[in-house]
Amino acid sequence: GKKMRFTTIEQKWSHFKKWFDNALKNTQIANPARNAHIEKVMKTMARKCTRARYYSPEMMREEYVRSAFACVDWDETEEVSTLFYIAKDMVQGRRAADELMLDWDDIKKVD
């Protein structure tokens, strides 16, 4: 199988650290993701693995997103939402993991 690049692992671990920071805010519980031993392991992995990118997924390429914008049906909410999700990913580099770990408690749905 393909080896994971350290950047991918590092990003996923960063999400966990931030999620725990938020979840444990205002408590006396230490963030288990900010453990000194784990930090040493991450430094070792940074030396052993490369941060080079293997590939960019096809849907993330600029020409794909431009052509999707050119042919989107702006009256179809689901289609537009999906397109914006894909396009946002190009600009901010966010992934589904980010979206799932966001605190949605302060968001109110408007019908």
Foldseek 3Di string as FASTA:
>chain_A
DDDDALVVVVVVLVLLQVLQCVVCPPHPDDRPSPDPVVVVVSVVSPVVGHNDDPDDPPLQDPVNLVVLVVDFDVVDPVSVVVSVVSPVCNVPVDDVSNVVSDDCVVPDDDD
